[in-house]
Amino acid sequence: MSERPDPIAAVVDPGTGIAPPGAEGVVTIVSWVAWTVLALCVLGVLLVGARMALAHRRGDGAEHAVSLGYVLGAAVLVGSASGLVAALV
């Protein structure tokens, strides 16, 4: 009976690779998009906070915690995107 090869060992290691010409432009665009999304997340936290303050004044307030969770979750996702991609590549 022959021993089966390990399927993980059979995967080819692509190495670090070399960026193609013009890749600097893509990196710049991705940086701008990340900055813009993080700025929108900060704006979202401020808007949700304002809505929570107005709702608290009227006697409501707990409904906006879900919105705040979504905004903070998006900020964490954007902030950790480069780490997630680096772990997958």
N, C-alpha and C. Protein backbone atom coordinates (compact mmCIF):
# COMPACT_ATOMS: atom_id res chain seq x y z
N MET A 1 0.84 -1.17 0.00
CA MET A 1 0.00 0.00 0.00
C MET A 1 0.90 1.24 0.00
N SER A 2 0.69 2.13 -0.98
CA SER A 2 1.54 3.31 -1.08
C SER A 2 0.97 4.44 -0.23
N GLU A 3 1.85 5.27 0.22
CA GLU A 3 1.46 6.39 1.07
C GLU A 3 0.99 7.54 0.19
N ARG A 4 -0.15 8.16 0.56
CA ARG A 4 -0.69 9.27 -0.22
C ARG A 4 0.07 10.55 0.11
N PRO A 5 0.35 11.38 -0.90
CA PRO A 5 1.07 12.64 -0.62
C PRO A 5 0.17 13.61 0.14
N ASP A 6 0.81 14.42 0.92
CA ASP A 6 0.10 15.45 1.67
C ASP A 6 -0.42 16.51 0.70
N PRO A 7 -1.76 16.78 0.65
CA PRO A 7 -2.28 17.74 -0.33
C PRO A 7 -1.80 19.17 -0.08
N ILE A 8 -1.50 19.50 1.16
CA ILE A 8 -1.03 20.85 1.45
C ILE A 8 0.40 21.04 0.95
N ALA A 9 1.22 19.99 1.04
CA ALA A 9 2.59 20.07 0.56
C ALA A 9 2.63 20.14 -0.97
N ALA A 10 1.58 19.69 -1.64
CA ALA A 10 1.56 19.69 -3.10
C ALA A 10 1.23 21.06 -3.68
N VAL A 11 0.75 22.00 -2.87
CA VAL A 11 0.42 23.34 -3.35
C VAL A 11 1.70 24.11 -3.63
N VAL A 12 1.74 24.75 -4.78
CA VAL A 12 2.94 25.49 -5.18
C VAL A 12 2.99 26.81 -4.42
N ASP A 13 4.15 27.13 -3.88
CA ASP A 13 4.35 28.41 -3.19
C ASP A 13 4.63 29.48 -4.22
N PRO A 14 3.74 30.51 -4.33
CA PRO A 14 3.95 31.54 -5.35
C PRO A 14 5.08 32.50 -5.02
N GLY A 15 5.59 32.49 -3.81
CA GLY A 15 6.65 33.41 -3.42
C GLY A 15 6.12 34.81 -3.20
N THR A 16 7.02 35.76 -3.12
CA THR A 16 6.59 37.13 -2.88
C THR A 16 6.18 37.84 -4.16
N GLY A 17 6.75 37.47 -5.27
CA GLY A 17 6.37 38.06 -6.55
C GLY A 17 6.91 39.46 -6.72
N ILE A 18 6.72 39.97 -7.92
CA ILE A 18 7.16 41.32 -8.26
C ILE A 18 5.95 42.09 -8.76
N ALA A 19 5.78 43.28 -8.27
CA ALA A 19 4.65 44.11 -8.70
C ALA A 19 4.81 44.48 -10.17
N PRO A 20 3.73 44.47 -10.94
CA PRO A 20 3.82 44.85 -12.34
C PRO A 20 4.02 46.36 -12.49
N PRO A 21 4.46 46.79 -13.66
CA PRO A 21 4.62 48.23 -13.87
C PRO A 21 3.28 48.97 -13.69
N GLY A 22 3.33 50.08 -13.05
CA GLY A 22 2.12 50.87 -12.83
C GLY A 22 1.38 50.50 -11.56
N ALA A 23 1.91 49.59 -10.76
CA ALA A 23 1.23 49.15 -9.54
C ALA A 23 1.18 50.25 -8.49
N GLU A 24 2.07 51.21 -8.60
CA GLU A 24 2.07 52.30 -7.62
C GLU A 24 0.76 53.08 -7.69
N GLY A 25 0.21 53.24 -8.88
CA GLY A 25 -1.06 53.94 -9.04
C GLY A 25 -2.20 53.21 -8.35
N VAL A 26 -2.19 51.88 -8.45
CA VAL A 26 -3.24 51.08 -7.80
C VAL A 26 -3.13 51.22 -6.28
N VAL A 27 -1.91 51.18 -5.77
CA VAL A 27 -1.70 51.31 -4.33
C VAL A 27 -2.17 52.69 -3.86
N THR A 28 -1.92 53.72 -4.65
CA THR A 28 -2.37 55.07 -4.30
C THR A 28 -3.89 55.13 -4.25
N ILE A 29 -4.55 54.54 -5.24
CA ILE A 29 -6.02 54.55 -5.28
C ILE A 29 -6.59 53.80 -4.09
N VAL A 30 -6.00 52.64 -3.77
CA VAL A 30 -6.48 51.86 -2.63
C VAL A 30 -6.29 52.65 -1.33
N SER A 31 -5.19 53.35 -1.21
CA SER A 31 -4.96 54.17 -0.01
C SER A 31 -5.99 55.28 0.09
N TRP A 32 -6.32 55.91 -1.03
CA TRP A 32 -7.34 56.98 -1.02
C TRP A 32 -8.70 56.42 -0.65
N VAL A 33 -9.03 55.25 -1.19
CA VAL A 33 -10.33 54.65 -0.87
C VAL A 33 -10.40 54.29 0.61
N ALA A 34 -9.32 53.71 1.15
CA ALA A 34 -9.30 53.36 2.57
C ALA A 34 -9.44 54.61 3.44
N TRP A 35 -8.75 55.69 3.09
CA TRP A 35 -8.85 56.93 3.85
C TRP A 35 -10.27 57.48 3.79
N THR A 36 -10.87 57.46 2.59
CA THR A 36 -12.23 57.97 2.43
C THR A 36 -13.23 57.16 3.24
N VAL A 37 -13.09 55.84 3.21
CA VAL A 37 -14.02 54.99 3.96
C VAL A 37 -13.86 55.21 5.45
N LEU A 38 -12.64 55.34 5.93
CA LEU A 38 -12.44 55.60 7.36
C LEU A 38 -13.00 56.97 7.75
N ALA A 39 -12.86 57.97 6.87
CA ALA A 39 -13.46 59.28 7.15
C ALA A 39 -14.97 59.16 7.22
N LEU A 40 -15.57 58.36 6.33
CA LEU A 40 -17.02 58.15 6.37
C LEU A 40 -17.43 57.40 7.64
N CYS A 41 -16.58 56.50 8.11
CA CYS A 41 -16.89 55.80 9.37
C CYS A 41 -16.89 56.77 10.54
N VAL A 42 -15.93 57.69 10.56
CA VAL A 42 -15.91 58.71 11.63
C VAL A 42 -17.17 59.57 11.54
N LEU A 43 -17.53 59.98 10.33
CA LEU A 43 -18.75 60.76 10.15
C LEU A 43 -19.98 59.95 10.59
N GLY A 44 -19.99 58.66 10.28
CA GLY A 44 -21.10 57.79 10.69
C GLY A 44 -21.23 57.70 12.20
N VAL A 45 -20.09 57.59 12.89
CA VAL A 45 -20.13 57.53 14.37
C VAL A 45 -20.69 58.84 14.91
N LEU A 46 -20.27 59.97 14.33
CA LEU A 46 -20.78 61.26 14.79
C LEU A 46 -22.28 61.39 14.54
N LEU A 47 -22.74 60.95 13.37
CA LEU A 47 -24.17 61.04 13.06
C LEU A 47 -25.01 60.11 13.95
N VAL A 48 -24.52 58.90 14.17
CA VAL A 48 -25.26 57.99 15.06
C VAL A 48 -25.28 58.54 16.48
N GLY A 49 -24.16 59.13 16.91
CA GLY A 49 -24.12 59.74 18.24
C GLY A 49 -25.12 60.88 18.36
N ALA A 50 -25.22 61.69 17.32
CA ALA A 50 -26.18 62.79 17.34
C ALA A 50 -27.61 62.26 17.38
N ARG A 51 -27.89 61.23 16.58
CA ARG A 51 -29.23 60.64 16.60
C ARG A 51 -29.55 60.02 17.96
N MET A 52 -28.53 59.40 18.58
CA MET A 52 -28.74 58.82 19.91
C MET A 52 -29.03 59.91 20.94
N ALA A 53 -28.32 61.03 20.83
CA ALA A 53 -28.54 62.13 21.78
C ALA A 53 -29.95 62.70 21.64
N LEU A 54 -30.38 62.89 20.39
CA LEU A 54 -31.74 63.40 20.17
C LEU A 54 -32.79 62.40 20.64
N ALA A 55 -32.57 61.12 20.38
CA ALA A 55 -33.53 60.10 20.80
C ALA A 55 -33.56 59.98 22.32
N HIS A 56 -32.41 60.14 22.98
CA HIS A 56 -32.36 60.07 24.44
C HIS A 56 -33.15 61.22 25.05
N ARG A 57 -33.05 62.36 24.42
CA ARG A 57 -33.80 63.52 24.91
C ARG A 57 -35.31 63.27 24.83
N ARG A 58 -35.75 62.50 23.82
CA ARG A 58 -37.17 62.17 23.67
C ARG A 58 -37.56 60.95 24.49
N GLY A 59 -36.60 60.26 25.09
CA GLY A 59 -36.91 59.09 25.91
C GLY A 59 -36.61 57.77 25.23
N ASP A 60 -36.17 57.80 23.98
CA ASP A 60 -35.77 56.59 23.28
C ASP A 60 -34.24 56.51 23.36
N GLY A 61 -33.66 55.63 22.57
CA GLY A 61 -32.21 55.64 22.51
C GLY A 61 -31.57 54.30 22.25
N ALA A 62 -32.17 53.23 22.71
CA ALA A 62 -31.52 51.93 22.58
C ALA A 62 -31.52 51.41 21.15
N GLU A 63 -32.43 51.92 20.30
CA GLU A 63 -32.52 51.41 18.93
C GLU A 63 -31.28 51.77 18.11
N HIS A 64 -30.59 52.81 18.47
CA HIS A 64 -29.46 53.28 17.68
C HIS A 64 -28.18 52.53 17.98
N ALA A 65 -28.19 51.68 18.98
CA ALA A 65 -26.99 50.90 19.30
C ALA A 65 -26.63 49.96 18.16
N VAL A 66 -27.62 49.44 17.45
CA VAL A 66 -27.36 48.56 16.32
C VAL A 66 -26.66 49.34 15.21
N SER A 67 -27.12 50.54 14.93
CA SER A 67 -26.46 51.38 13.91
C SER A 67 -25.02 51.66 14.29
N LEU A 68 -24.79 51.95 15.54
CA LEU A 68 -23.43 52.21 16.00
C LEU A 68 -22.58 50.96 15.84
N GLY A 69 -23.15 49.80 16.12
CA GLY A 69 -22.42 48.54 15.94
C GLY A 69 -22.02 48.32 14.49
N TYR A 70 -22.92 48.63 13.55
CA TYR A 70 -22.60 48.49 12.13
C TYR A 70 -21.47 49.43 11.72
N VAL A 71 -21.54 50.66 12.17
CA VAL A 71 -20.51 51.64 11.80
C VAL A 71 -19.16 51.23 12.38
N LEU A 72 -19.14 50.83 13.64
CA LEU A 72 -17.88 50.42 14.25
C LEU A 72 -17.36 49.13 13.64
N GLY A 73 -18.26 48.21 13.28
CA GLY A 73 -17.84 46.99 12.59
C GLY A 73 -17.21 47.30 11.24
N ALA A 74 -17.77 48.25 10.51
CA ALA A 74 -17.19 48.66 9.23
C ALA A 74 -15.82 49.28 9.43
N ALA A 75 -15.66 50.08 10.47
CA ALA A 75 -14.36 50.70 10.75
C ALA A 75 -13.31 49.64 11.08
N VAL A 76 -13.69 48.65 11.86
CA VAL A 76 -12.76 47.57 12.20
C VAL A 76 -12.39 46.78 10.95
N LEU A 77 -13.38 46.50 10.09
CA LEU A 77 -13.12 45.76 8.86
C LEU A 77 -12.17 46.52 7.94
N VAL A 78 -12.39 47.82 7.77
CA VAL A 78 -11.51 48.63 6.92
C VAL A 78 -10.11 48.71 7.54
N GLY A 79 -10.05 48.89 8.85
CA GLY A 79 -8.77 48.99 9.51
C GLY A 79 -7.95 47.72 9.48
N SER A 80 -8.61 46.59 9.45
CA SER A 80 -7.90 45.31 9.43
C SER A 80 -7.83 44.69 8.05
N ALA A 81 -8.28 45.41 7.02
CA ALA A 81 -8.31 44.84 5.67
C ALA A 81 -6.91 44.45 5.18
N SER A 82 -5.92 45.30 5.39
CA SER A 82 -4.59 44.97 4.90
C SER A 82 -4.02 43.76 5.62
N GLY A 83 -4.30 43.64 6.92
CA GLY A 83 -3.85 42.45 7.65
C GLY A 83 -4.54 41.19 7.20
N LEU A 84 -5.85 41.29 6.90
CA LEU A 84 -6.59 40.13 6.41
C LEU A 84 -6.08 39.68 5.05
N VAL A 85 -5.85 40.63 4.16
CA VAL A 85 -5.36 40.28 2.82
C VAL A 85 -3.95 39.71 2.92
N ALA A 86 -3.10 40.28 3.76
CA ALA A 86 -1.74 39.76 3.91
C ALA A 86 -1.75 38.35 4.47
N ALA A 87 -2.70 38.04 5.35
CA ALA A 87 -2.79 36.68 5.90
C ALA A 87 -3.26 35.67 4.86
N LEU A 88 -4.11 36.13 3.94
CA LEU A 88 -4.62 35.23 2.91
C LEU A 88 -3.62 35.03 1.78
N VAL A 89 -2.79 36.02 1.53
CA VAL A 89 -1.82 35.92 0.43
C VAL A 89 -0.58 35.34 0.96
